[in-house]
Amino acid sequence: MRRIEVFGTGCPKCRAVVRNAELAVAELGMEAEVVKVDDLAQMAVRGVMMTPAVAIDGKVIFSGHIVPVAEIKRYLEETGRS
């Protein structure tokens, strides 16, 4: 199962990215865990400098903007794990 982590403090932009990640997973019909990470220490350890940020399977892929559903889907499809 894939793991999608959304890093942010709970601001509207961060909440939008969580929704977009959940929509992307649902639209692809895949099994994935979408996790919200709001711990600043954890963000620092993971190298997140700007939020919202998205890590997929442990790798930070997007940072500093609201990631559209289509962008998340494209990455998930290109990496080919389901």
N, C-alpha and C. Protein backbone atom coordinates (compact mmCIF):
# COMPACT_ATOMS: atom_id res chain seq x y z
N MET A 1 0.85 -1.18 0.00
CA MET A 1 0.00 0.00 0.00
C MET A 1 0.90 1.24 0.00
N ARG A 2 0.51 2.23 -0.79
CA ARG A 2 1.27 3.47 -0.87
C ARG A 2 0.95 4.36 0.32
N ARG A 3 1.90 5.20 0.65
CA ARG A 3 1.74 6.14 1.77
C ARG A 3 1.97 7.55 1.25
N ILE A 4 0.98 8.39 1.44
CA ILE A 4 1.06 9.79 1.04
C ILE A 4 0.99 10.63 2.30
N GLU A 5 2.05 11.40 2.53
CA GLU A 5 2.10 12.26 3.71
C GLU A 5 1.95 13.71 3.26
N VAL A 6 1.08 14.44 3.93
CA VAL A 6 0.89 15.86 3.65
C VAL A 6 1.40 16.62 4.86
N PHE A 7 2.43 17.42 4.65
CA PHE A 7 3.05 18.20 5.71
C PHE A 7 2.46 19.60 5.73
N GLY A 8 2.02 20.03 6.90
CA GLY A 8 1.47 21.38 7.03
C GLY A 8 0.93 21.60 8.42
N THR A 9 0.63 22.85 8.70
CA THR A 9 0.20 23.24 10.04
C THR A 9 -1.32 23.23 10.21
N GLY A 10 -2.03 22.87 9.17
CA GLY A 10 -3.49 22.85 9.25
C GLY A 10 -4.14 24.05 8.61
N CYS A 11 -3.37 24.84 7.90
CA CYS A 11 -3.90 26.02 7.22
C CYS A 11 -4.82 25.59 6.07
N PRO A 12 -5.60 26.51 5.51
CA PRO A 12 -6.49 26.16 4.40
C PRO A 12 -5.77 25.52 3.21
N LYS A 13 -4.57 25.98 2.89
CA LYS A 13 -3.82 25.39 1.78
C LYS A 13 -3.45 23.94 2.08
N CYS A 14 -3.03 23.70 3.30
CA CYS A 14 -2.66 22.34 3.69
C CYS A 14 -3.87 21.40 3.67
N ARG A 15 -4.99 21.89 4.16
CA ARG A 15 -6.22 21.08 4.14
C ARG A 15 -6.64 20.79 2.70
N ALA A 16 -6.45 21.76 1.80
CA ALA A 16 -6.78 21.55 0.38
C ALA A 16 -5.92 20.44 -0.22
N VAL A 17 -4.65 20.40 0.15
CA VAL A 17 -3.76 19.36 -0.37
C VAL A 17 -4.16 17.99 0.15
N VAL A 18 -4.57 17.91 1.40
CA VAL A 18 -5.05 16.63 1.95
C VAL A 18 -6.25 16.16 1.13
N ARG A 19 -7.21 17.07 0.90
CA ARG A 19 -8.39 16.71 0.09
C ARG A 19 -7.97 16.26 -1.31
N ASN A 20 -7.04 16.98 -1.92
CA ASN A 20 -6.61 16.63 -3.27
C ASN A 20 -5.93 15.26 -3.30
N ALA A 21 -5.14 14.95 -2.28
CA ALA A 21 -4.50 13.64 -2.21
C ALA A 21 -5.55 12.54 -2.06
N GLU A 22 -6.53 12.78 -1.21
CA GLU A 22 -7.59 11.78 -1.02
C GLU A 22 -8.40 11.59 -2.30
N LEU A 23 -8.67 12.68 -3.01
CA LEU A 23 -9.40 12.59 -4.28
C LEU A 23 -8.58 11.83 -5.33
N ALA A 24 -7.30 12.11 -5.41
CA ALA A 24 -6.43 11.43 -6.38
C ALA A 24 -6.45 9.93 -6.15
N VAL A 25 -6.33 9.52 -4.90
CA VAL A 25 -6.34 8.10 -4.56
C VAL A 25 -7.68 7.48 -4.93
N ALA A 26 -8.77 8.18 -4.60
CA ALA A 26 -10.11 7.66 -4.90
C ALA A 26 -10.33 7.56 -6.41
N GLU A 27 -9.93 8.59 -7.15
CA GLU A 27 -10.13 8.58 -8.60
C GLU A 27 -9.33 7.49 -9.29
N LEU A 28 -8.17 7.15 -8.73
CA LEU A 28 -7.36 6.08 -9.31
C LEU A 28 -7.80 4.70 -8.82
N GLY A 29 -8.65 4.68 -7.79
CA GLY A 29 -9.12 3.41 -7.25
C GLY A 29 -8.02 2.59 -6.62
N MET A 30 -7.05 3.27 -6.03
CA MET A 30 -5.92 2.55 -5.45
C MET A 30 -6.00 2.55 -3.93
N GLU A 31 -5.28 1.62 -3.34
CA GLU A 31 -5.17 1.59 -1.89
C GLU A 31 -3.97 2.44 -1.50
N ALA A 32 -4.23 3.43 -0.68
CA ALA A 32 -3.16 4.29 -0.19
C ALA A 32 -3.59 4.90 1.12
N GLU A 33 -2.62 5.13 1.95
CA GLU A 33 -2.85 5.79 3.23
C GLU A 33 -2.45 7.25 3.08
N VAL A 34 -3.38 8.16 3.37
CA VAL A 34 -3.09 9.59 3.34
C VAL A 34 -2.97 10.05 4.79
N VAL A 35 -1.79 10.56 5.13
CA VAL A 35 -1.47 10.93 6.51
C VAL A 35 -1.15 12.42 6.59
N LYS A 36 -1.74 13.10 7.57
CA LYS A 36 -1.42 14.51 7.83
C LYS A 36 -0.29 14.57 8.84
N VAL A 37 0.75 15.35 8.53
CA VAL A 37 1.88 15.52 9.44
C VAL A 37 1.95 17.00 9.80
N ASP A 38 1.68 17.31 11.08
CA ASP A 38 1.71 18.71 11.50
C ASP A 38 2.80 18.99 12.54
N ASP A 39 3.62 18.02 12.80
CA ASP A 39 4.71 18.15 13.77
C ASP A 39 5.90 18.86 13.12
N LEU A 40 6.21 20.07 13.60
CA LEU A 40 7.28 20.86 13.00
C LEU A 40 8.64 20.17 13.08
N ALA A 41 8.89 19.46 14.16
CA ALA A 41 10.16 18.74 14.29
C ALA A 41 10.28 17.65 13.23
N GLN A 42 9.18 16.94 12.99
CA GLN A 42 9.17 15.90 11.96
C GLN A 42 9.39 16.51 10.58
N MET A 43 8.79 17.67 10.34
CA MET A 43 8.99 18.35 9.05
C MET A 43 10.47 18.69 8.86
N ALA A 44 11.11 19.19 9.91
CA ALA A 44 12.52 19.55 9.83
C ALA A 44 13.39 18.32 9.54
N VAL A 45 13.10 17.23 10.24
CA VAL A 45 13.85 16.00 10.03
C VAL A 45 13.72 15.52 8.59
N ARG A 46 12.55 15.69 8.00
CA ARG A 46 12.29 15.22 6.64
C ARG A 46 12.74 16.22 5.57
N GLY A 47 13.24 17.39 6.00
CA GLY A 47 13.75 18.37 5.06
C GLY A 47 12.69 19.25 4.43
N VAL A 48 11.51 19.30 5.04
CA VAL A 48 10.43 20.14 4.50
C VAL A 48 10.68 21.58 4.94
N MET A 49 10.90 22.46 3.96
CA MET A 49 11.18 23.86 4.25
C MET A 49 9.96 24.75 4.00
N MET A 50 9.08 24.31 3.10
CA MET A 50 7.88 25.08 2.77
C MET A 50 6.68 24.16 2.79
N THR A 51 5.57 24.67 3.33
CA THR A 51 4.34 23.89 3.34
C THR A 51 3.31 24.59 2.47
N PRO A 52 2.32 23.87 2.02
CA PRO A 52 2.16 22.42 2.18
C PRO A 52 3.20 21.66 1.36
N ALA A 53 3.51 20.48 1.83
CA ALA A 53 4.43 19.60 1.12
C ALA A 53 3.83 18.20 1.10
N VAL A 54 4.21 17.44 0.09
CA VAL A 54 3.68 16.08 -0.06
C VAL A 54 4.84 15.12 -0.26
N ALA A 55 4.86 14.07 0.55
CA ALA A 55 5.82 12.98 0.37
C ALA A 55 5.02 11.75 -0.05
N ILE A 56 5.54 11.05 -1.03
CA ILE A 56 4.90 9.82 -1.49
C ILE A 56 5.92 8.70 -1.32
N ASP A 57 5.53 7.70 -0.56
CA ASP A 57 6.39 6.56 -0.27
C ASP A 57 7.74 7.03 0.29
N GLY A 58 7.70 8.04 1.18
CA GLY A 58 8.89 8.48 1.89
C GLY A 58 9.69 9.58 1.22
N LYS A 59 9.37 9.93 -0.01
CA LYS A 59 10.14 10.93 -0.74
C LYS A 59 9.31 12.20 -0.91
N VAL A 60 9.86 13.35 -0.49
CA VAL A 60 9.16 14.62 -0.66
C VAL A 60 9.17 14.96 -2.15
N ILE A 61 7.95 15.07 -2.72
CA ILE A 61 7.79 15.28 -4.16
C ILE A 61 7.37 16.71 -4.47
N PHE A 62 6.47 17.25 -3.69
CA PHE A 62 5.92 18.59 -3.93
C PHE A 62 6.10 19.42 -2.67
N SER A 63 6.32 20.73 -2.85
CA SER A 63 6.49 21.60 -1.69
C SER A 63 6.17 23.04 -2.05
N GLY A 64 5.46 23.70 -1.14
CA GLY A 64 5.25 25.13 -1.25
C GLY A 64 4.07 25.60 -2.06
N HIS A 65 3.23 24.67 -2.51
CA HIS A 65 2.04 25.09 -3.26
C HIS A 65 0.93 24.06 -3.11
N ILE A 66 -0.28 24.49 -3.47
CA ILE A 66 -1.41 23.56 -3.47
C ILE A 66 -1.25 22.65 -4.68
N VAL A 67 -1.07 21.38 -4.42
CA VAL A 67 -0.84 20.41 -5.49
C VAL A 67 -2.19 19.96 -6.04
N PRO A 68 -2.43 20.17 -7.34
CA PRO A 68 -3.70 19.74 -7.93
C PRO A 68 -3.85 18.22 -7.94
N VAL A 69 -5.07 17.79 -7.94
CA VAL A 69 -5.38 16.36 -8.00
C VAL A 69 -4.66 15.71 -9.19
N ALA A 70 -4.72 16.35 -10.34
CA ALA A 70 -4.12 15.79 -11.56
C ALA A 70 -2.61 15.57 -11.40
N GLU A 71 -1.93 16.46 -10.70
CA GLU A 71 -0.48 16.32 -10.50
C GLU A 71 -0.16 15.14 -9.61
N ILE A 72 -0.96 14.97 -8.57
CA ILE A 72 -0.75 13.83 -7.67
C ILE A 72 -1.03 12.53 -8.42
N LYS A 73 -2.12 12.50 -9.16
CA LYS A 73 -2.45 11.30 -9.94
C LYS A 73 -1.35 10.98 -10.93
N ARG A 74 -0.85 12.00 -11.63
CA ARG A 74 0.20 11.78 -12.64
C ARG A 74 1.43 11.14 -11.98
N TYR A 75 1.85 11.66 -10.83
CA TYR A 75 3.01 11.08 -10.15
C TYR A 75 2.74 9.63 -9.74
N LEU A 76 1.58 9.38 -9.17
CA LEU A 76 1.24 8.02 -8.73
C LEU A 76 1.23 7.06 -9.92
N GLU A 77 0.69 7.49 -11.03
CA GLU A 77 0.64 6.64 -12.23
C GLU A 77 2.03 6.41 -12.81
N GLU A 78 2.84 7.46 -12.84
CA GLU A 78 4.18 7.34 -13.43
C GLU A 78 5.09 6.45 -12.62
N THR A 79 4.90 6.42 -11.32
CA THR A 79 5.76 5.59 -10.49
C THR A 79 5.26 4.15 -10.44
N GLY A 80 4.04 3.93 -10.91
CA GLY A 80 3.55 2.60 -11.20
C GLY A 80 3.29 1.64 -10.06
N ARG A 81 3.33 2.09 -8.84
CA ARG A 81 2.98 1.18 -7.74
C ARG A 81 1.55 1.39 -7.37
N SER A 82 0.86 0.31 -7.05
CA SER A 82 -0.54 0.44 -6.61
C SER A 82 -0.84 -0.47 -5.46
